[in-house]
Amino acid sequence: DIEERLIRGFVRNIIDGNIVESLYSWHKISSEDINNLTNSDKEISK
């Protein structure tokens, strides 16, 4: 389906380590957000 889920799937692929790091900078995703994705604090990761 063509919906926001495609974007969210990309982020989940980041969490699972399936996205090469060069894409982070290309999309201008901050290193802070990348680091916080797997934070034990659920609010921070969310």
PDB file of all heavy atoms in Angstrom:
ATOM      1  N   ASP A   1       0.833  -1.197   0.000  1.00  0.00           N
ATOM      2  CA  ASP A   1       0.000   0.000   0.000  1.00  0.00           C
ATOM      3  C   ASP A   1       0.871   1.252   0.000  1.00  0.00           C
ATOM      4  O   ASP A   1       1.974   1.263   0.555  1.00  0.00           O
ATOM      5  CB  ASP A   1      -0.919   0.020   1.227  1.00  0.00           C
ATOM      6  CG  ASP A   1      -1.959  -1.091   1.195  1.00  0.00           C
ATOM      7  OD1 ASP A   1      -2.428  -1.423   0.085  1.00  0.00           O
ATOM      8  OD2 ASP A   1      -2.305  -1.625   2.268  1.00  0.00           O
ATOM      9  N   ILE A   2       0.365   2.306  -0.604  1.00  0.00           N
ATOM     10  CA  ILE A   2       1.096   3.577  -0.666  1.00  0.00           C
ATOM     11  C   ILE A   2       0.600   4.465   0.465  1.00  0.00           C
ATOM     12  O   ILE A   2      -0.422   5.144   0.350  1.00  0.00           O
ATOM     13  CB  ILE A   2       0.896   4.261  -2.031  1.00  0.00           C
ATOM     14  CG1 ILE A   2       1.345   3.314  -3.146  1.00  0.00           C
ATOM     15  CG2 ILE A   2       1.678   5.567  -2.102  1.00  0.00           C
ATOM     16  CD1 ILE A   2       1.039   3.815  -4.533  1.00  0.00           C
ATOM     17  N   GLU A   3       1.299   4.454   1.557  1.00  0.00           N
ATOM     18  CA  GLU A   3       0.893   5.193   2.741  1.00  0.00           C
ATOM     19  C   GLU A   3       2.111   5.483   3.614  1.00  0.00           C
ATOM     20  O   GLU A   3       3.238   5.070   3.298  1.00  0.00           O
ATOM     21  CB  GLU A   3      -0.147   4.388   3.532  1.00  0.00           C
ATOM     22  CG  GLU A   3       0.332   2.980   3.892  1.00  0.00           C
ATOM     23  CD  GLU A   3      -0.747   2.113   4.487  1.00  0.00           C
ATOM     24  OE1 GLU A   3      -1.951   2.395   4.268  1.00  0.00           O
ATOM     25  OE2 GLU A   3      -0.392   1.143   5.179  1.00  0.00           O
ATOM     26  N   GLU A   4       1.889   6.179   4.731  1.00  0.00           N
ATOM     27  CA  GLU A   4       2.982   6.587   5.610  1.00  0.00           C
ATOM     28  C   GLU A   4       3.773   5.402   6.166  1.00  0.00           C
ATOM     29  O   GLU A   4       4.919   5.546   6.596  1.00  0.00           O
ATOM     30  CB  GLU A   4       2.428   7.421   6.769  1.00  0.00           C
ATOM     31  CG  GLU A   4       3.496   8.099   7.612  1.00  0.00           C
ATOM     32  CD  GLU A   4       2.915   8.954   8.712  1.00  0.00           C
ATOM     33  OE1 GLU A   4       2.259   9.969   8.382  1.00  0.00           O
ATOM     34  OE2 GLU A   4       3.111   8.614   9.896  1.00  0.00           O
ATOM     35  N   ARG A   5       3.160   4.249   6.141  1.00  0.00           N
ATOM     36  CA  ARG A   5       3.832   3.049   6.630  1.00  0.00           C
ATOM     37  C   ARG A   5       5.169   2.800   5.915  1.00  0.00           C
ATOM     38  O   ARG A   5       6.089   2.220   6.482  1.00  0.00           O
ATOM     39  CB  ARG A   5       2.888   1.864   6.404  1.00  0.00           C
ATOM     40  CG  ARG A   5       3.345   0.566   6.967  1.00  0.00           C
ATOM     41  CD  ARG A   5       2.235  -0.460   6.810  1.00  0.00           C
ATOM     42  NE  ARG A   5       2.783  -1.665   6.277  1.00  0.00           N
ATOM     43  CZ  ARG A   5       2.083  -2.693   5.854  1.00  0.00           C
ATOM     44  NH1 ARG A   5       0.817  -2.659   5.908  1.00  0.00           N
ATOM     45  NH2 ARG A   5       2.657  -3.751   5.405  1.00  0.00           N
ATOM     46  N   LEU A   6       5.293   3.235   4.660  1.00  0.00           N
ATOM     47  CA  LEU A   6       6.540   3.092   3.916  1.00  0.00           C
ATOM     48  C   LEU A   6       7.667   3.867   4.589  1.00  0.00           C
ATOM     49  O   LEU A   6       8.807   3.390   4.669  1.00  0.00           O
ATOM     50  CB  LEU A   6       6.356   3.576   2.481  1.00  0.00           C
ATOM     51  CG  LEU A   6       5.350   2.798   1.621  1.00  0.00           C
ATOM     52  CD1 LEU A   6       5.071   3.560   0.323  1.00  0.00           C
ATOM     53  CD2 LEU A   6       5.869   1.396   1.313  1.00  0.00           C
ATOM     54  N   ILE A   7       7.364   5.068   5.058  1.00  0.00           N
ATOM     55  CA  ILE A   7       8.343   5.888   5.770  1.00  0.00           C
ATOM     56  C   ILE A   7       8.732   5.225   7.087  1.00  0.00           C
ATOM     57  O   ILE A   7       9.912   5.134   7.439  1.00  0.00           O
ATOM     58  CB  ILE A   7       7.785   7.296   6.042  1.00  0.00           C
ATOM     59  CG1 ILE A   7       7.321   7.964   4.747  1.00  0.00           C
ATOM     60  CG2 ILE A   7       8.831   8.155   6.752  1.00  0.00           C
ATOM     61  CD1 ILE A   7       8.375   8.416   3.843  1.00  0.00           C
ATOM     62  N   ARG A   8       7.728   4.754   7.802  1.00  0.00           N
ATOM     63  CA  ARG A   8       7.978   4.115   9.094  1.00  0.00           C
ATOM     64  C   ARG A   8       8.760   2.816   8.934  1.00  0.00           C
ATOM     65  O   ARG A   8       9.549   2.446   9.794  1.00  0.00           O
ATOM     66  CB  ARG A   8       6.654   3.885   9.829  1.00  0.00           C
ATOM     67  CG  ARG A   8       5.942   5.203  10.167  1.00  0.00           C
ATOM     68  CD  ARG A   8       4.667   5.005  10.963  1.00  0.00           C
ATOM     69  NE  ARG A   8       4.147   6.297  11.368  1.00  0.00           N
ATOM     70  CZ  ARG A   8       4.532   6.978  12.428  1.00  0.00           C
ATOM     71  NH1 ARG A   8       5.422   6.461  13.253  1.00  0.00           N
ATOM     72  NH2 ARG A   8       4.025   8.160  12.716  1.00  0.00           N
ATOM     73  N   GLY A   9       8.534   2.124   7.821  1.00  0.00           N
ATOM     74  CA  GLY A   9       9.306   0.926   7.541  1.00  0.00           C
ATOM     75  C   GLY A   9      10.780   1.236   7.342  1.00  0.00           C
ATOM     76  O   GLY A   9      11.656   0.464   7.748  1.00  0.00           O
ATOM     77  N   PHE A  10      11.071   2.374   6.722  1.00  0.00           N
ATOM     78  CA  PHE A  10      12.448   2.815   6.545  1.00  0.00           C
ATOM     79  C   PHE A  10      13.115   3.029   7.902  1.00  0.00           C
ATOM     80  O   PHE A  10      14.264   2.621   8.116  1.00  0.00           O
ATOM     81  CB  PHE A  10      12.469   4.109   5.725  1.00  0.00           C
ATOM     82  CG  PHE A  10      13.850   4.600   5.379  1.00  0.00           C
ATOM     83  CD1 PHE A  10      14.432   4.288   4.170  1.00  0.00           C
ATOM     84  CD2 PHE A  10      14.561   5.398   6.268  1.00  0.00           C
ATOM     85  CE1 PHE A  10      15.700   4.752   3.843  1.00  0.00           C
ATOM     86  CE2 PHE A  10      15.829   5.861   5.957  1.00  0.00           C
ATOM     87  CZ  PHE A  10      16.399   5.539   4.739  1.00  0.00           C
ATOM     88  N   VAL A  11      12.395   3.677   8.827  1.00  0.00           N
ATOM     89  CA  VAL A  11      12.953   3.936  10.161  1.00  0.00           C
ATOM     90  C   VAL A  11      13.195   2.627  10.908  1.00  0.00           C
ATOM     91  O   VAL A  11      14.214   2.454  11.589  1.00  0.00           O
ATOM     92  CB  VAL A  11      12.025   4.860  10.980  1.00  0.00           C
ATOM     93  CG1 VAL A  11      12.674   5.180  12.336  1.00  0.00           C
ATOM     94  CG2 VAL A  11      11.751   6.154  10.223  1.00  0.00           C
ATOM     95  N   ARG A  12      12.274   1.686  10.764  1.00  0.00           N
ATOM     96  CA  ARG A  12      12.469   0.389  11.416  1.00  0.00           C
ATOM     97  C   ARG A  12      13.678  -0.338  10.822  1.00  0.00           C
ATOM     98  O   ARG A  12      14.395  -1.051  11.532  1.00  0.00           O
ATOM     99  CB  ARG A  12      11.199  -0.459  11.289  1.00  0.00           C
ATOM    100  CG  ARG A  12      10.100  -0.046  12.275  1.00  0.00           C
ATOM    101  CD  ARG A  12       8.963  -1.041  12.286  1.00  0.00           C
ATOM    102  NE  ARG A  12       8.138  -0.917  11.107  1.00  0.00           N
ATOM    103  CZ  ARG A  12       7.106  -0.095  10.997  1.00  0.00           C
ATOM    104  NH1 ARG A  12       6.757   0.671  12.012  1.00  0.00           N
ATOM    105  NH2 ARG A  12       6.400  -0.036   9.901  1.00  0.00           N
ATOM    106  N   ASN A  13      13.913  -0.140   9.544  1.00  0.00           N
ATOM    107  CA  ASN A  13      15.111  -0.719   8.930  1.00  0.00           C
ATOM    108  C   ASN A  13      16.383  -0.081   9.495  1.00  0.00           C
ATOM    109  O   ASN A  13      17.420  -0.740   9.596  1.00  0.00           O
ATOM    110  CB  ASN A  13      15.063  -0.540   7.418  1.00  0.00           C
ATOM    111  CG  ASN A  13      14.226  -1.601   6.721  1.00  0.00           C
ATOM    112  OD1 ASN A  13      14.124  -2.725   7.201  1.00  0.00           O
ATOM    113  ND2 ASN A  13      13.623  -1.248   5.593  1.00  0.00           N
ATOM    114  N   ILE A  14      16.313   1.194   9.849  1.00  0.00           N
ATOM    115  CA  ILE A  14      17.449   1.843  10.506  1.00  0.00           C
ATOM    116  C   ILE A  14      17.728   1.161  11.842  1.00  0.00           C
ATOM    117  O   ILE A  14      18.874   0.836  12.170  1.00  0.00           O
ATOM    118  CB  ILE A  14      17.178   3.348  10.726  1.00  0.00           C
ATOM    119  CG1 ILE A  14      17.096   4.084   9.389  1.00  0.00           C
ATOM    120  CG2 ILE A  14      18.292   3.956  11.595  1.00  0.00           C
ATOM    121  CD1 ILE A  14      16.751   5.566   9.545  1.00  0.00           C
ATOM    122  N   ILE A  15      16.668   0.937  12.612  1.00  0.00           N
ATOM    123  CA  ILE A  15      16.796   0.292  13.927  1.00  0.00           C
ATOM    124  C   ILE A  15      17.408  -1.097  13.790  1.00  0.00           C
ATOM    125  O   ILE A  15      18.252  -1.501  14.595  1.00  0.00           O
ATOM    126  CB  ILE A  15      15.420   0.209  14.618  1.00  0.00           C
ATOM    127  CG1 ILE A  15      14.879   1.612  14.899  1.00  0.00           C
ATOM    128  CG2 ILE A  15      15.516  -0.588  15.914  1.00  0.00           C
ATOM    129  CD1 ILE A  15      13.455   1.634  15.419  1.00  0.00           C
ATOM    130  N   ASP A  16      16.993  -1.824  12.738  1.00  0.00           N
ATOM    131  CA  ASP A  16      17.470  -3.192  12.536  1.00  0.00           C
ATOM    132  C   ASP A  16      18.846  -3.256  11.879  1.00  0.00           C
ATOM    133  O   ASP A  16      19.378  -4.345  11.656  1.00  0.00           O
ATOM    134  CB  ASP A  16      16.468  -3.977  11.688  1.00  0.00           C
ATOM    135  CG  ASP A  16      15.133  -4.168  12.391  1.00  0.00           C
ATOM    136  OD1 ASP A  16      15.118  -4.116  13.638  1.00  0.00           O
ATOM    137  OD2 ASP A  16      14.111  -4.355  11.706  1.00  0.00           O
ATOM    138  N   GLY A  17      19.410  -2.087  11.557  1.00  0.00           N
ATOM    139  CA  GLY A  17      20.744  -2.055  10.955  1.00  0.00           C
ATOM    140  C   GLY A  17      20.790  -2.373   9.477  1.00  0.00           C
ATOM    141  O   GLY A  17      21.826  -2.778   8.956  1.00  0.00           O
ATOM    142  N   ASN A  18      19.652  -2.186   8.772  1.00  0.00           N
ATOM    143  CA  ASN A  18      19.566  -2.535   7.365  1.00  0.00           C
ATOM    144  C   ASN A  18      19.738  -1.343   6.424  1.00  0.00           C
ATOM    145  O   ASN A  18      19.602  -1.490   5.212  1.00  0.00           O
ATOM    146  CB  ASN A  18      18.217  -3.203   7.081  1.00  0.00           C
ATOM    147  CG  ASN A  18      18.004  -4.467   7.889  1.00  0.00           C
ATOM    148  OD1 ASN A  18      18.933  -5.253   8.082  1.00  0.00           O
ATOM    149  ND2 ASN A  18      16.801  -4.662   8.408  1.00  0.00           N
ATOM    150  N   ILE A  19      20.028  -0.176   6.968  1.00  0.00           N
ATOM    151  CA  ILE A  19      20.231   1.037   6.180  1.00  0.00           C
ATOM    152  C   ILE A  19      21.680   1.475   6.294  1.00  0.00           C
ATOM    153  O   ILE A  19      22.204   1.620   7.405  1.00  0.00           O
ATOM    154  CB  ILE A  19      19.304   2.176   6.639  1.00  0.00           C
ATOM    155  CG1 ILE A  19      17.829   1.764   6.546  1.00  0.00           C
ATOM    156  CG2 ILE A  19      19.563   3.438   5.820  1.00  0.00           C
ATOM    157  CD1 ILE A  19      17.353   1.486   5.147  1.00  0.00           C
ATOM    158  N   VAL A  20      22.337   1.675   5.155  1.00  0.00           N
ATOM    159  CA  VAL A  20      23.732   2.112   5.181  1.00  0.00           C
ATOM    160  C   VAL A  20      23.831   3.525   5.746  1.00  0.00           C
ATOM    161  O   VAL A  20      22.942   4.360   5.551  1.00  0.00           O
ATOM    162  CB  VAL A  20      24.362   2.061   3.768  1.00  0.00           C
ATOM    163  CG1 VAL A  20      24.435   0.639   3.272  1.00  0.00           C
ATOM    164  CG2 VAL A  20      23.594   2.925   2.781  1.00  0.00           C
ATOM    165  N   GLU A  21      24.916   3.790   6.433  1.00  0.00           N
ATOM    166  CA  GLU A  21      25.063   5.060   7.139  1.00  0.00           C
ATOM    167  C   GLU A  21      25.079   6.267   6.213  1.00  0.00           C
ATOM    168  O   GLU A  21      24.700   7.368   6.619  1.00  0.00           O
ATOM    169  CB  GLU A  21      26.337   5.035   7.983  1.00  0.00           C
ATOM    170  CG  GLU A  21      26.284   4.034   9.141  1.00  0.00           C
ATOM    171  CD  GLU A  21      27.516   4.091  10.011  1.00  0.00           C
ATOM    172  OE1 GLU A  21      28.343   4.996   9.782  1.00  0.00           O
ATOM    173  OE2 GLU A  21      27.650   3.238  10.905  1.00  0.00           O
ATOM    174  N   SER A  22      25.515   6.091   4.961  1.00  0.00           N
ATOM    175  CA  SER A  22      25.566   7.214   4.033  1.00  0.00           C
ATOM    176  C   SER A  22      24.194   7.827   3.788  1.00  0.00           C
ATOM    177  O   SER A  22      24.079   9.009   3.453  1.00  0.00           O
ATOM    178  CB  SER A  22      26.188   6.780   2.704  1.00  0.00           C
ATOM    179  OG  SER A  22      25.438   5.734   2.112  1.00  0.00           O
ATOM    180  N   LEU A  23      23.124   7.029   3.962  1.00  0.00           N
ATOM    181  CA  LEU A  23      21.773   7.538   3.766  1.00  0.00           C
ATOM    182  C   LEU A  23      21.346   8.486   4.882  1.00  0.00           C
ATOM    183  O   LEU A  23      20.497   9.347   4.677  1.00  0.00           O
ATOM    184  CB  LEU A  23      20.768   6.384   3.668  1.00  0.00           C
ATOM    185  CG  LEU A  23      20.638   5.705   2.318  1.00  0.00           C
ATOM    186  CD1 LEU A  23      19.607   4.592   2.369  1.00  0.00           C
ATOM    187  CD2 LEU A  23      20.246   6.699   1.249  1.00  0.00           C
ATOM    188  N   TYR A  24      21.927   8.305   6.083  1.00  0.00           N
ATOM    189  CA  TYR A  24      21.569   9.189   7.196  1.00  0.00           C
ATOM    190  C   TYR A  24      21.856  10.637   6.825  1.00  0.00           C
ATOM    191  O   TYR A  24      20.996  11.519   6.946  1.00  0.00           O
ATOM    192  CB  TYR A  24      22.346   8.849   8.469  1.00  0.00           C
ATOM    193  CG  TYR A  24      22.190   7.438   8.972  1.00  0.00           C
ATOM    194  CD1 TYR A  24      23.092   6.912   9.888  1.00  0.00           C
ATOM    195  CD2 TYR A  24      21.161   6.618   8.545  1.00  0.00           C
ATOM    196  CE1 TYR A  24      22.972   5.630  10.369  1.00  0.00           C
ATOM    197  CE2 TYR A  24      21.032   5.327   9.012  1.00  0.00           C
ATOM    198  CZ  TYR A  24      21.949   4.828   9.938  1.00  0.00           C
ATOM    199  OH  TYR A  24      21.833   3.552  10.409  1.00  0.00           O
ATOM    200  N   SER A  25      23.079  10.882   6.387  1.00  0.00           N
ATOM    201  CA  SER A  25      23.485  12.235   6.043  1.00  0.00           C
ATOM    202  C   SER A  25      22.751  12.746   4.816  1.00  0.00           C
ATOM    203  O   SER A  25      22.472  13.942   4.706  1.00  0.00           O
ATOM    204  CB  SER A  25      25.006  12.303   5.824  1.00  0.00           C
ATOM    205  OG  SER A  25      25.411  11.407   4.794  1.00  0.00           O
ATOM    206  N   TRP A  26      22.468  11.863   3.861  1.00  0.00           N
ATOM    207  CA  TRP A  26      21.766  12.275   2.657  1.00  0.00           C
ATOM    208  C   TRP A  26      20.385  12.829   2.987  1.00  0.00           C
ATOM    209  O   TRP A  26      19.958  13.837   2.434  1.00  0.00           O
ATOM    210  CB  TRP A  26      21.645  11.109   1.684  1.00  0.00           C
ATOM    211  CG  TRP A  26      21.283  11.577   0.302  1.00  0.00           C
ATOM    212  CD1 TRP A  26      20.052  11.912  -0.162  1.00  0.00           C
ATOM    213  CD2 TRP A  26      22.180  11.818  -0.772  1.00  0.00           C
ATOM    214  NE1 TRP A  26      20.124  12.332  -1.464  1.00  0.00           N
ATOM    215  CE2 TRP A  26      21.417  12.283  -1.868  1.00  0.00           C
ATOM    216  CE3 TRP A  26      23.546  11.661  -0.933  1.00  0.00           C
ATOM    217  CZ2 TRP A  26      21.981  12.610  -3.098  1.00  0.00           C
ATOM    218  CZ3 TRP A  26      24.113  11.989  -2.157  1.00  0.00           C
ATOM    219  CH2 TRP A  26      23.332  12.452  -3.225  1.00  0.00           C
ATOM    220  N   HIS A  27      19.703  12.187   3.908  1.00  0.00           N
ATOM    221  CA  HIS A  27      18.379  12.638   4.333  1.00  0.00           C
ATOM    222  C   HIS A  27      18.439  13.647   5.485  1.00  0.00           C
ATOM    223  O   HIS A  27      17.389  14.071   5.973  1.00  0.00           O
ATOM    224  CB  HIS A  27      17.519  11.442   4.748  1.00  0.00           C
ATOM    225  CG  HIS A  27      17.099  10.564   3.603  1.00  0.00           C
ATOM    226  ND1 HIS A  27      16.340  11.026   2.555  1.00  0.00           N
ATOM    227  CD2 HIS A  27      17.321   9.251   3.352  1.00  0.00           C
ATOM    228  CE1 HIS A  27      16.118  10.038   1.705  1.00  0.00           C
ATOM    229  NE2 HIS A  27      16.697   8.945   2.162  1.00  0.00           N
ATOM    230  N   LYS A  28      19.656  14.008   5.887  1.00  0.00           N
ATOM    231  CA  LYS A  28      19.874  14.997   6.947  1.00  0.00           C
ATOM    232  C   LYS A  28      19.209  14.596   8.264  1.00  0.00           C
ATOM    233  O   LYS A  28      18.602  15.408   8.964  1.00  0.00           O
ATOM    234  CB  LYS A  28      19.391  16.380   6.495  1.00  0.00           C
ATOM    235  CG  LYS A  28      20.145  16.912   5.287  1.00  0.00           C
ATOM    236  CD  LYS A  28      19.668  18.296   4.889  1.00  0.00           C
ATOM    237  CE  LYS A  28      20.465  18.793   3.673  1.00  0.00           C
ATOM    238  NZ  LYS A  28      20.031  20.135   3.252  1.00  0.00           N
ATOM    239  N   ILE A  29      19.336  13.294   8.562  1.00  0.00           N
ATOM    240  CA  ILE A  29      18.863  12.783   9.847  1.00  0.00           C
ATOM    241  C   ILE A  29      19.955  13.004  10.880  1.00  0.00           C
ATOM    242  O   ILE A  29      21.110  12.646  10.659  1.00  0.00           O
ATOM    243  CB  ILE A  29      18.519  11.286   9.746  1.00  0.00           C
ATOM    244  CG1 ILE A  29      17.432  11.059   8.679  1.00  0.00           C
ATOM    245  CG2 ILE A  29      18.063  10.745  11.088  1.00  0.00           C
ATOM    246  CD1 ILE A  29      17.181   9.595   8.372  1.00  0.00           C
ATOM    247  N   SER A  30      19.611  13.590  11.998  1.00  0.00           N
ATOM    248  CA  SER A  30      20.617  13.930  13.002  1.00  0.00           C
ATOM    249  C   SER A  30      21.171  12.676  13.672  1.00  0.00           C
ATOM    250  O   SER A  30      20.458  11.678  13.849  1.00  0.00           O
ATOM    251  CB  SER A  30      20.025  14.865  14.052  1.00  0.00           C
ATOM    252  OG  SER A  30      19.099  14.185  14.878  1.00  0.00           O
ATOM    253  N   SER A  31      22.437  12.743  14.031  1.00  0.00           N
ATOM    254  CA  SER A  31      23.065  11.623  14.738  1.00  0.00           C
ATOM    255  C   SER A  31      22.425  11.412  16.103  1.00  0.00           C
ATOM    256  O   SER A  31      22.371  10.283  16.610  1.00  0.00           O
ATOM    257  CB  SER A  31      24.570  11.880  14.885  1.00  0.00           C
ATOM    258  OG  SER A  31      24.816  13.112  15.535  1.00  0.00           O
ATOM    259  N   GLU A  32      21.932  12.505  16.676  1.00  0.00           N
ATOM    260  CA  GLU A  32      21.258  12.408  17.979  1.00  0.00           C
ATOM    261  C   GLU A  32      20.010  11.540  17.891  1.00  0.00           C
ATOM    262  O   GLU A  32      19.773  10.674  18.745  1.00  0.00           O
ATOM    263  CB  GLU A  32      20.889  13.798  18.494  1.00  0.00           C
ATOM    264  CG  GLU A  32      20.229  13.788  19.866  1.00  0.00           C
ATOM    265  CD  GLU A  32      19.847  15.171  20.344  1.00  0.00           C
ATOM    266  OE1 GLU A  32      20.076  16.154  19.601  1.00  0.00           O
ATOM    267  OE2 GLU A  32      19.301  15.278  21.467  1.00  0.00           O
ATOM    268  N   ASP A  33      19.197  11.762  16.845  1.00  0.00           N
ATOM    269  CA  ASP A  33      17.992  10.956  16.665  1.00  0.00           C
ATOM    270  C   ASP A  33      18.342   9.490  16.389  1.00  0.00           C
ATOM    271  O   ASP A  33      17.653   8.585  16.866  1.00  0.00           O
ATOM    272  CB  ASP A  33      17.143  11.513  15.521  1.00  0.00           C
ATOM    273  CG  ASP A  33      16.308  12.720  15.944  1.00  0.00           C
ATOM    274  OD1 ASP A  33      16.018  12.841  17.148  1.00  0.00           O
ATOM    275  OD2 ASP A  33      15.951  13.532  15.063  1.00  0.00           O
ATOM    276  N   ILE A  34      19.390   9.262  15.610  1.00  0.00           N
ATOM    277  CA  ILE A  34      19.833   7.888  15.335  1.00  0.00           C
ATOM    278  C   ILE A  34      20.201   7.177  16.637  1.00  0.00           C
ATOM    279  O   ILE A  34      19.802   6.038  16.875  1.00  0.00           O
ATOM    280  CB  ILE A  34      21.024   7.868  14.364  1.00  0.00           C
ATOM    281  CG1 ILE A  34      20.610   8.361  12.979  1.00  0.00           C
ATOM    282  CG2 ILE A  34      21.624   6.464  14.267  1.00  0.00           C
ATOM    283  CD1 ILE A  34      19.664   7.450  12.247  1.00  0.00           C
ATOM    284  N   ASN A  35      20.949   7.864  17.476  1.00  0.00           N
ATOM    285  CA  ASN A  35      21.371   7.282  18.758  1.00  0.00           C
ATOM    286  C   ASN A  35      20.196   7.051  19.700  1.00  0.00           C
ATOM    287  O   ASN A  35      20.176   6.084  20.464  1.00  0.00           O
ATOM    288  CB  ASN A  35      22.406   8.179  19.435  1.00  0.00           C
ATOM    289  CG  ASN A  35      23.708   8.248  18.657  1.00  0.00           C
ATOM    290  OD1 ASN A  35      24.086   7.302  17.971  1.00  0.00           O
ATOM    291  ND2 ASN A  35      24.411   9.382  18.769  1.00  0.00           N
ATOM    292  N   ASN A  36      19.206   7.949  19.625  1.00  0.00           N
ATOM    293  CA  ASN A  36      18.066   7.861  20.548  1.00  0.00           C
ATOM    294  C   ASN A  36      17.028   6.813  20.126  1.00  0.00           C
ATOM    295  O   ASN A  36      16.137   6.484  20.912  1.00  0.00           O
ATOM    296  CB  ASN A  36      17.384   9.222  20.671  1.00  0.00           C
ATOM    297  CG  ASN A  36      18.196  10.203  21.501  1.00  0.00           C
ATOM    298  OD1 ASN A  36      19.019   9.797  22.325  1.00  0.00           O
ATOM    299  ND2 ASN A  36      17.968  11.497  21.289  1.00  0.00           N
ATOM    300  N   LEU A  37      17.118   6.322  18.884  1.00  0.00           N
ATOM    301  CA  LEU A  37      16.144   5.349  18.405  1.00  0.00           C
ATOM    302  C   LEU A  37      16.078   4.108  19.285  1.00  0.00           C
ATOM    303  O   LEU A  37      15.010   3.513  19.475  1.00  0.00           O
ATOM    304  CB  LEU A  37      16.465   4.927  16.969  1.00  0.00           C
ATOM    305  CG  LEU A  37      15.883   5.764  15.843  1.00  0.00           C
ATOM    306  CD1 LEU A  37      16.369   5.249  14.499  1.00  0.00           C
ATOM    307  CD2 LEU A  37      14.354   5.766  15.875  1.00  0.00           C
ATOM    308  N   THR A  38      17.213   3.708  19.801  1.00  0.00           N
ATOM    309  CA  THR A  38      17.279   2.489  20.611  1.00  0.00           C
ATOM    310  C   THR A  38      17.443   2.792  22.099  1.00  0.00           C
ATOM    311  O   THR A  38      17.850   1.933  22.874  1.00  0.00           O
ATOM    312  CB  THR A  38      18.443   1.604  20.132  1.00  0.00           C
ATOM    313  OG1 THR A  38      19.654   2.356  20.156  1.00  0.00           O
ATOM    314  CG2 THR A  38      18.174   1.092  18.723  1.00  0.00           C
ATOM    315  N   ASN A  39      17.129   4.013  22.476  1.00  0.00           N
ATOM    316  CA  ASN A  39      17.237   4.400  23.887  1.00  0.00           C
ATOM    317  C   ASN A  39      16.281   3.562  24.733  1.00  0.00           C
ATOM    318  O   ASN A  39      15.153   3.263  24.329  1.00  0.00           O
ATOM    319  CB  ASN A  39      16.935   5.889  24.048  1.00  0.00           C
ATOM    320  CG  ASN A  39      17.393   6.431  25.392  1.00  0.00           C
ATOM    321  OD1 ASN A  39      16.837   6.075  26.438  1.00  0.00           O
ATOM    322  ND2 ASN A  39      18.396   7.311  25.358  1.00  0.00           N
ATOM    323  N   SER A  40      16.724   3.201  25.921  1.00  0.00           N
ATOM    324  CA  SER A  40      15.887   2.394  26.816  1.00  0.00           C
ATOM    325  C   SER A  40      14.655   3.150  27.293  1.00  0.00           C
ATOM    326  O   SER A  40      13.642   2.547  27.654  1.00  0.00           O
ATOM    327  CB  SER A  40      16.716   1.928  28.022  1.00  0.00           C
ATOM    328  OG  SER A  40      17.262   3.037  28.721  1.00  0.00           O
ATOM    329  N   ASP A  41      14.763   4.486  27.284  1.00  0.00           N
ATOM    330  CA  ASP A  41      13.617   5.321  27.630  1.00  0.00           C
ATOM    331  C   ASP A  41      12.668   5.347  26.426  1.00  0.00           C
ATOM    332  O   ASP A  41      12.987   5.894  25.366  1.00  0.00           O
ATOM    333  CB  ASP A  41      14.078   6.739  27.967  1.00  0.00           C
ATOM    334  CG  ASP A  41      12.955   7.601  28.544  1.00  0.00           C
ATOM    335  OD1 ASP A  41      11.834   7.552  28.005  1.00  0.00           O
ATOM    336  OD2 ASP A  41      13.216   8.334  29.526  1.00  0.00           O
ATOM    337  N   LYS A  42      11.497   4.762  26.575  1.00  0.00           N
ATOM    338  CA  LYS A  42      10.561   4.627  25.468  1.00  0.00           C
ATOM    339  C   LYS A  42      10.105   5.972  24.912  1.00  0.00           C
ATOM    340  O   LYS A  42       9.867   6.118  23.719  1.00  0.00           O
ATOM    341  CB  LYS A  42       9.344   3.804  25.904  1.00  0.00           C
ATOM    342  CG  LYS A  42       9.669   2.330  26.163  1.00  0.00           C
ATOM    343  CD  LYS A  42       8.408   1.543  26.483  1.00  0.00           C
ATOM    344  CE  LYS A  42       8.742   0.058  26.697  1.00  0.00           C
ATOM    345  NZ  LYS A  42       7.515  -0.733  27.005  1.00  0.00           N
ATOM    346  N   GLU A  43       9.985   6.973  25.782  1.00  0.00           N
ATOM    347  CA  GLU A  43       9.546   8.288  25.331  1.00  0.00           C
ATOM    348  C   GLU A  43      10.602   8.931  24.428  1.00  0.00           C
ATOM    349  O   GLU A  43      10.273   9.545  23.406  1.00  0.00           O
ATOM    350  CB  GLU A  43       9.260   9.189  26.537  1.00  0.00           C
ATOM    351  CG  GLU A  43       8.580  10.519  26.196  1.00  0.00           C
ATOM    352  CD  GLU A  43       7.172  10.329  25.654  1.00  0.00           C
ATOM    353  OE1 GLU A  43       6.531   9.287  25.966  1.00  0.00           O
ATOM    354  OE2 GLU A  43       6.726  11.205  24.894  1.00  0.00           O
ATOM    355  N   ILE A  44      11.860   8.797  24.823  1.00  0.00           N
ATOM    356  CA  ILE A  44      12.958   9.350  24.020  1.00  0.00           C
ATOM    357  C   ILE A  44      13.028   8.649  22.656  1.00  0.00           C
ATOM    358  O   ILE A  44      13.170   9.305  21.617  1.00  0.00           O
ATOM    359  CB  ILE A  44      14.296   9.213  24.772  1.00  0.00           C
ATOM    360  CG1 ILE A  44      14.303  10.113  26.006  1.00  0.00           C
ATOM    361  CG2 ILE A  44      15.467   9.572  23.846  1.00  0.00           C
ATOM    362  CD1 ILE A  44      15.542   9.963  26.863  1.00  0.00           C
ATOM    363  N   SER A  45      12.936   7.323  22.640  1.00  0.00           N
ATOM    364  CA  SER A  45      13.007   6.566  21.385  1.00  0.00           C
ATOM    365  C   SER A  45      11.806   6.877  20.495  1.00  0.00           C
ATOM    366  O   SER A  45      11.946   6.981  19.265  1.00  0.00           O
ATOM    367  CB  SER A  45      13.086   5.064  21.671  1.00  0.00           C
ATOM    368  OG  SER A  45      11.969   4.560  22.183  1.00  0.00           O
ATOM    369  N   LYS A  46      10.630   7.059  21.095  1.00  0.00           N
ATOM    370  CA  LYS A  46       9.434   7.394  20.332  1.00  0.00           C
ATOM    371  C   LYS A  46       9.570   8.759  19.669  1.00  0.00           C
ATOM    372  O   LYS A  46       9.234   8.938  18.501  1.00  0.00           O
ATOM    373  CB  LYS A  46       8.206   7.369  21.233  1.00  0.00           C
ATOM    374  CG  LYS A  46       6.898   7.690  20.512  1.00  0.00           C
ATOM    375  CD  LYS A  46       5.717   7.670  21.469  1.00  0.00           C
ATOM    376  CE  LYS A  46       4.426   8.037  20.753  1.00  0.00           C
ATOM    377  NZ  LYS A  46       3.272   8.042  21.688  1.00  0.00           N
TER     378      LYS A  46
END
